[in-house]
């Protein structure tokens, strides 16, 4: 989605491994901020603030 929207140079996104069984995953890190419960395309768009 980052590449599709042309944001590769503007935003840093990475997946991160679960640190326990809290139930808040899957998680991504966007510009250094951990975002929990990112599920599917809509979740990624929301995490990136593109919804």
PDB file of N, CA and C in Angstrom:
ATOM      1  N   UNK A   1       0.840  -1.195   0.000  1.00  0.00           N
ATOM      2  CA  UNK A   1       0.000   0.000   0.000  1.00  0.00           C
ATOM      3  C   UNK A   1       0.876   1.245   0.000  1.00  0.00           C
ATOM      4  N   UNK A   2       1.976   1.212   0.757  1.00  0.00           N
ATOM      5  CA  UNK A   2       2.873   2.373   0.805  1.00  0.00           C
ATOM      6  C   UNK A   2       3.412   2.670  -0.589  1.00  0.00           C
ATOM      7  N   UNK A   3       3.865   1.637  -1.297  1.00  0.00           N
ATOM      8  CA  UNK A   3       4.368   1.832  -2.658  1.00  0.00           C
ATOM      9  C   UNK A   3       3.243   2.244  -3.605  1.00  0.00           C
ATOM     10  N   UNK A   4       2.096   1.605  -3.476  1.00  0.00           N
ATOM     11  CA  UNK A   4       0.936   1.895  -4.326  1.00  0.00           C
ATOM     12  C   UNK A   4       0.516   3.361  -4.224  1.00  0.00           C
ATOM     13  N   UNK A   5       0.589   3.929  -3.034  1.00  0.00           N
ATOM     14  CA  UNK A   5       0.189   5.319  -2.803  1.00  0.00           C
ATOM     15  C   UNK A   5       1.327   6.304  -3.038  1.00  0.00           C
ATOM     16  N   UNK A   6       2.527   5.794  -3.410  1.00  0.00           N
ATOM     17  CA  UNK A   6       3.663   6.662  -3.675  1.00  0.00           C
ATOM     18  C   UNK A   6       4.261   7.287  -2.427  1.00  0.00           C
ATOM     19  N   UNK A   7       4.182   6.587  -1.299  1.00  0.00           N
ATOM     20  CA  UNK A   7       4.656   7.127  -0.023  1.00  0.00           C
ATOM     21  C   UNK A   7       5.956   6.495   0.465  1.00  0.00           C
ATOM     22  N   UNK A   8       6.622   5.737  -0.394  1.00  0.00           N
ATOM     23  CA  UNK A   8       7.819   5.004   0.029  1.00  0.00           C
ATOM     24  C   UNK A   8       8.892   5.897   0.640  1.00  0.00           C
ATOM     25  N   UNK A   9       9.030   7.106   0.128  1.00  0.00           N
ATOM     26  CA  UNK A   9      10.049   8.020   0.645  1.00  0.00           C
ATOM     27  C   UNK A   9       9.535   8.880   1.792  1.00  0.00           C
ATOM     28  N   UNK A  10       8.225   8.913   1.990  1.00  0.00           N
ATOM     29  CA  UNK A  10       7.632   9.811   2.977  1.00  0.00           C
ATOM     30  C   UNK A  10       7.310   9.154   4.311  1.00  0.00           C
ATOM     31  N   UNK A  11       7.227   7.826   4.325  1.00  0.00           N
ATOM     32  CA  UNK A  11       6.784   7.148   5.540  1.00  0.00           C
ATOM     33  C   UNK A  11       7.556   5.849   5.713  1.00  0.00           C
ATOM     34  N   UNK A  12       7.844   5.512   6.946  1.00  0.00           N
ATOM     35  CA  UNK A  12       8.543   4.270   7.270  1.00  0.00           C
ATOM     36  C   UNK A  12       7.555   3.306   7.913  1.00  0.00           C
ATOM     37  N   UNK A  13       7.407   2.119   7.313  1.00  0.00           N
ATOM     38  CA  UNK A  13       6.478   1.114   7.828  1.00  0.00           C
ATOM     39  C   UNK A  13       7.203  -0.213   7.923  1.00  0.00           C
ATOM     40  N   UNK A  14       6.999  -0.913   9.034  1.00  0.00           N
ATOM     41  CA  UNK A  14       7.565  -2.251   9.177  1.00  0.00           C
ATOM     42  C   UNK A  14       6.641  -3.097  10.035  1.00  0.00           C
ATOM     43  N   UNK A  15       6.629  -4.377   9.752  1.00  0.00           N
ATOM     44  CA  UNK A  15       5.887  -5.307  10.595  1.00  0.00           C
ATOM     45  C   UNK A  15       6.706  -5.582  11.834  1.00  0.00           C
ATOM     46  N   UNK A  16       6.081  -6.028  12.887  1.00  0.00           N
ATOM     47  CA  UNK A  16       6.836  -6.388  14.078  1.00  0.00           C
ATOM     48  C   UNK A  16       6.255  -7.658  14.675  1.00  0.00           C
ATOM     49  N   UNK A  17       7.131  -8.461  15.238  1.00  0.00           N
ATOM     50  CA  UNK A  17       6.725  -9.716  15.848  1.00  0.00           C
ATOM     51  C   UNK A  17       5.967  -9.466  17.139  1.00  0.00           C
ATOM     52  N   UNK A  18       5.039 -10.349  17.408  1.00  0.00           N
ATOM     53  CA  UNK A  18       4.279 -10.278  18.653  1.00  0.00           C
ATOM     54  C   UNK A  18       5.221 -10.485  19.832  1.00  0.00           C
ATOM     55  N   UNK A  19       5.034  -9.710  20.871  1.00  0.00           N
ATOM     56  CA  UNK A  19       5.872  -9.813  22.062  1.00  0.00           C
ATOM     57  C   UNK A  19       5.199 -10.621  23.165  1.00  0.00           C
ATOM     58  N   UNK A  20       4.038 -11.163  22.893  1.00  0.00           N
ATOM     59  CA  UNK A  20       3.314 -11.952  23.886  1.00  0.00           C
ATOM     60  C   UNK A  20       1.950 -12.328  23.365  1.00  0.00           C
ATOM     61  N   UNK A  21       1.135 -12.839  24.220  1.00  0.00           N
ATOM     62  CA  UNK A  21      -0.196 -13.279  23.825  1.00  0.00           C
ATOM     63  C   UNK A  21      -1.259 -12.289  24.288  1.00  0.00           C
ATOM     64  N   UNK A  22      -1.044 -11.019  24.058  1.00  0.00           N
ATOM     65  CA  UNK A  22      -1.968  -9.988  24.535  1.00  0.00           C
ATOM     66  C   UNK A  22      -3.254  -9.920  23.723  1.00  0.00           C
ATOM     67  N   UNK A  23      -3.210 -10.405  22.477  1.00  0.00           N
ATOM     68  CA  UNK A  23      -4.387 -10.369  21.635  1.00  0.00           C
ATOM     69  C   UNK A  23      -4.584  -9.078  20.869  1.00  0.00           C
ATOM     70  N   UNK A  24      -3.585  -8.187  20.870  1.00  0.00           N
ATOM     71  CA  UNK A  24      -3.719  -6.902  20.185  1.00  0.00           C
ATOM     72  C   UNK A  24      -3.150  -6.898  18.771  1.00  0.00           C
ATOM     73  N   UNK A  25      -2.558  -7.994  18.324  1.00  0.00           N
ATOM     74  CA  UNK A  25      -1.921  -8.048  17.009  1.00  0.00           C
ATOM     75  C   UNK A  25      -2.926  -8.299  15.911  1.00  0.00           C
ATOM     76  N   UNK A  26      -2.497  -8.326  14.676  1.00  0.00           N
ATOM     77  CA  UNK A  26      -1.125  -8.060  14.241  1.00  0.00           C
ATOM     78  C   UNK A  26      -0.766  -6.577  14.374  1.00  0.00           C
ATOM     79  N   UNK A  27       0.518  -6.344  14.485  1.00  0.00           N
ATOM     80  CA  UNK A  27       1.028  -5.003  14.747  1.00  0.00           C
ATOM     81  C   UNK A  27       1.919  -4.528  13.607  1.00  0.00           C
ATOM     82  N   UNK A  28       1.980  -3.232  13.402  1.00  0.00           N
ATOM     83  CA  UNK A  28       2.937  -2.612  12.497  1.00  0.00           C
ATOM     84  C   UNK A  28       3.538  -1.406  13.207  1.00  0.00           C
ATOM     85  N   UNK A  29       4.713  -1.011  12.755  1.00  0.00           N
ATOM     86  CA  UNK A  29       5.357   0.196  13.262  1.00  0.00           C
ATOM     87  C   UNK A  29       5.350   1.208  12.122  1.00  0.00           C
ATOM     88  N   UNK A  30       4.725   2.354  12.353  1.00  0.00           N
ATOM     89  CA  UNK A  30       4.642   3.423  11.358  1.00  0.00           C
ATOM     90  C   UNK A  30       5.380   4.625  11.915  1.00  0.00           C
ATOM     91  N   UNK A  31       6.458   5.007  11.237  1.00  0.00           N
ATOM     92  CA  UNK A  31       7.294   6.130  11.675  1.00  0.00           C
ATOM     93  C   UNK A  31       7.664   6.023  13.151  1.00  0.00           C
ATOM     94  N   UNK A  32       8.022   4.822  13.579  1.00  0.00           N
ATOM     95  CA  UNK A  32       8.477   4.592  14.944  1.00  0.00           C
ATOM     96  C   UNK A  32       7.380   4.390  15.967  1.00  0.00           C
ATOM     97  N   UNK A  33       6.121   4.469  15.569  1.00  0.00           N
ATOM     98  CA  UNK A  33       5.004   4.312  16.501  1.00  0.00           C
ATOM     99  C   UNK A  33       4.346   2.952  16.284  1.00  0.00           C
ATOM    100  N   UNK A  34       4.215   2.171  17.353  1.00  0.00           N
ATOM    101  CA  UNK A  34       3.577   0.860  17.296  1.00  0.00           C
ATOM    102  C   UNK A  34       2.068   1.021  17.182  1.00  0.00           C
ATOM    103  N   UNK A  35       1.495   0.364  16.196  1.00  0.00           N
ATOM    104  CA  UNK A  35       0.045   0.389  16.010  1.00  0.00           C
ATOM    105  C   UNK A  35      -0.452  -1.045  16.082  1.00  0.00           C
ATOM    106  N   UNK A  36      -1.376  -1.294  17.000  1.00  0.00           N
ATOM    107  CA  UNK A  36      -1.910  -2.629  17.243  1.00  0.00           C
ATOM    108  C   UNK A  36      -3.147  -2.902  16.399  1.00  0.00           C
ATOM    109  N   UNK A  37      -3.436  -4.189  16.262  1.00  0.00           N
ATOM    110  CA  UNK A  37      -4.678  -4.670  15.654  1.00  0.00           C
ATOM    111  C   UNK A  37      -4.870  -4.165  14.229  1.00  0.00           C
ATOM    112  N   UNK A  38      -3.828  -4.289  13.412  1.00  0.00           N
ATOM    113  CA  UNK A  38      -3.892  -3.887  12.012  1.00  0.00           C
ATOM    114  C   UNK A  38      -4.217  -5.134  11.194  1.00  0.00           C
ATOM    115  N   UNK A  39      -5.468  -5.231  10.773  1.00  0.00           N
ATOM    116  CA  UNK A  39      -5.932  -6.416  10.046  1.00  0.00           C
ATOM    117  C   UNK A  39      -6.432  -6.032   8.657  1.00  0.00           C
ATOM    118  N   UNK A  40      -5.860  -6.657   7.647  1.00  0.00           N
ATOM    119  CA  UNK A  40      -6.308  -6.456   6.276  1.00  0.00           C
ATOM    120  C   UNK A  40      -5.951  -5.099   5.706  1.00  0.00           C
ATOM    121  N   UNK A  41      -6.348  -4.919   4.461  1.00  0.00           N
ATOM    122  CA  UNK A  41      -6.048  -3.683   3.736  1.00  0.00           C
ATOM    123  C   UNK A  41      -6.638  -2.456   4.425  1.00  0.00           C
ATOM    124  N   UNK A  42      -7.881  -2.560   4.876  1.00  0.00           N
ATOM    125  CA  UNK A  42      -8.525  -1.425   5.544  1.00  0.00           C
ATOM    126  C   UNK A  42      -7.781  -1.034   6.819  1.00  0.00           C
ATOM    127  N   UNK A  43      -7.293  -2.020   7.562  1.00  0.00           N
ATOM    128  CA  UNK A  43      -6.534  -1.742   8.773  1.00  0.00           C
ATOM    129  C   UNK A  43      -5.230  -1.029   8.482  1.00  0.00           C
ATOM    130  N   UNK A  44      -4.570  -1.445   7.398  1.00  0.00           N
ATOM    131  CA  UNK A  44      -3.319  -0.791   7.006  1.00  0.00           C
ATOM    132  C   UNK A  44      -3.594   0.649   6.579  1.00  0.00           C
ATOM    133  N   UNK A  45      -4.629   0.855   5.782  1.00  0.00           N
ATOM    134  CA  UNK A  45      -4.979   2.219   5.366  1.00  0.00           C
ATOM    135  C   UNK A  45      -5.278   3.103   6.569  1.00  0.00           C
ATOM    136  N   UNK A  46      -5.996   2.561   7.536  1.00  0.00           N
ATOM    137  CA  UNK A  46      -6.318   3.325   8.745  1.00  0.00           C
ATOM    138  C   UNK A  46      -5.054   3.630   9.545  1.00  0.00           C
ATOM    139  N   UNK A  47      -4.164   2.652   9.687  1.00  0.00           N
ATOM    140  CA  UNK A  47      -2.919   2.855  10.432  1.00  0.00           C
ATOM    141  C   UNK A  47      -2.053   3.934   9.782  1.00  0.00           C
ATOM    142  N   UNK A  48      -2.120   4.018   8.463  1.00  0.00           N
ATOM    143  CA  UNK A  48      -1.343   5.021   7.736  1.00  0.00           C
ATOM    144  C   UNK A  48      -2.046   6.376   7.677  1.00  0.00           C
ATOM    145  N   UNK A  49      -3.266   6.443   8.183  1.00  0.00           N
ATOM    146  CA  UNK A  49      -4.028   7.687   8.141  1.00  0.00           C
ATOM    147  C   UNK A  49      -4.581   7.995   6.764  1.00  0.00           C
ATOM    148  N   UNK A  50      -4.813   6.955   5.963  1.00  0.00           N
ATOM    149  CA  UNK A  50      -5.290   7.140   4.598  1.00  0.00           C
ATOM    150  C   UNK A  50      -6.729   6.693   4.418  1.00  0.00           C
ATOM    151  N   UNK A  51      -7.440   6.502   5.510  1.00  0.00           N
ATOM    152  CA  UNK A  51      -8.820   6.001   5.408  1.00  0.00           C
ATOM    153  C   UNK A  51      -9.809   7.086   5.088  1.00  0.00           C
TER     154      UNK A  51
END
